[in-house]
């Protein structure tokens, strides 16, 4: 059974028309945003870490007198 097939009876029942249904939908949407944000932050930390290592290496090389 697909996700749409599983949720169709719930949507037809008007669950999202109730305050608790709207709260549930908002919390699920928030959870999805947090999950996607967490994945992007993991990637961003890797990029920042790589940048720090590259800049530190360039600084060390330039301090040793080898210019770019």
Protein backbone atom coordinates (compact mmCIF):
# COMPACT_ATOMS: atom_id res chain seq x y z
CA UNK A 1 0.00 0.00 0.00
CA UNK A 2 1.40 3.39 -0.92
CA UNK A 3 1.77 6.30 1.47
CA UNK A 4 -1.00 8.18 -0.30
CA UNK A 5 -3.26 5.17 -0.06
CA UNK A 6 -2.57 4.88 3.64
CA UNK A 7 -3.17 8.58 4.36
CA UNK A 8 -6.15 9.10 2.07
CA UNK A 9 -8.75 7.86 4.62
CA UNK A 10 -7.23 10.13 7.26
CA UNK A 11 -7.41 13.15 4.95
CA UNK A 12 -10.97 12.31 3.91
CA UNK A 13 -12.01 12.15 7.55
CA UNK A 14 -11.09 15.82 7.89
CA UNK A 15 -8.40 15.29 10.50
CA UNK A 16 -6.52 18.36 9.26
CA UNK A 17 -9.62 20.48 9.90
CA UNK A 18 -9.24 20.02 13.65
CA UNK A 19 -6.77 22.01 15.75
CA UNK A 20 -4.98 18.84 16.86
CA UNK A 21 -4.76 17.64 13.26
CA UNK A 22 -3.25 20.95 12.20
CA UNK A 23 -0.80 20.78 15.11
CA UNK A 24 0.20 17.27 14.07
CA UNK A 25 0.74 18.40 10.47
CA UNK A 26 2.83 21.36 11.66
CA UNK A 27 4.96 19.12 13.88
CA UNK A 28 5.54 16.64 11.05
CA UNK A 29 6.53 19.51 8.74
CA UNK A 30 8.89 20.86 11.42
CA UNK A 31 10.46 17.43 11.83
CA UNK A 32 11.08 17.24 8.07
CA UNK A 33 12.66 20.71 8.06
CA UNK A 34 14.92 19.76 10.97
CA UNK A 35 15.95 16.52 9.28
CA UNK A 36 16.87 18.27 6.04
CA UNK A 37 18.63 21.04 7.98
CA UNK A 38 20.62 18.49 9.92
CA UNK A 39 21.86 16.91 6.69
CA UNK A 40 22.87 20.30 5.29
CA UNK A 41 24.66 21.23 8.52
CA UNK A 42 26.62 17.99 8.43
CA UNK A 43 27.79 18.83 4.92
CA UNK A 44 28.52 22.45 5.89
CA UNK A 45 30.71 21.36 8.81
CA UNK A 46 32.74 19.18 6.46
CA UNK A 47 33.24 22.07 4.04
CA UNK A 48 34.28 24.42 6.86
CA UNK A 49 36.68 21.83 8.28
CA UNK A 50 38.28 21.26 4.88
CA UNK A 51 38.59 25.03 4.44
CA UNK A 52 40.30 25.41 7.81
CA UNK A 53 42.79 22.67 6.98
CA UNK A 54 43.57 24.16 3.56
CA UNK A 55 44.02 27.70 4.90
CA UNK A 56 46.19 26.44 7.78
CA UNK A 57 48.35 24.52 5.30
CA UNK A 58 48.67 27.59 3.06
CA UNK A 59 49.64 29.70 6.08
CA UNK A 60 52.24 27.18 7.17
CA UNK A 61 53.73 27.00 3.67
CA UNK A 62 53.83 30.78 3.37
CA UNK A 63 55.52 31.10 6.77
CA UNK A 64 58.22 28.70 5.63
CA UNK A 65 59.02 31.08 2.81
CA UNK A 66 57.54 29.18 -0.10
CA UNK A 67 55.30 31.69 -1.87
CA UNK A 68 52.30 31.11 -4.04
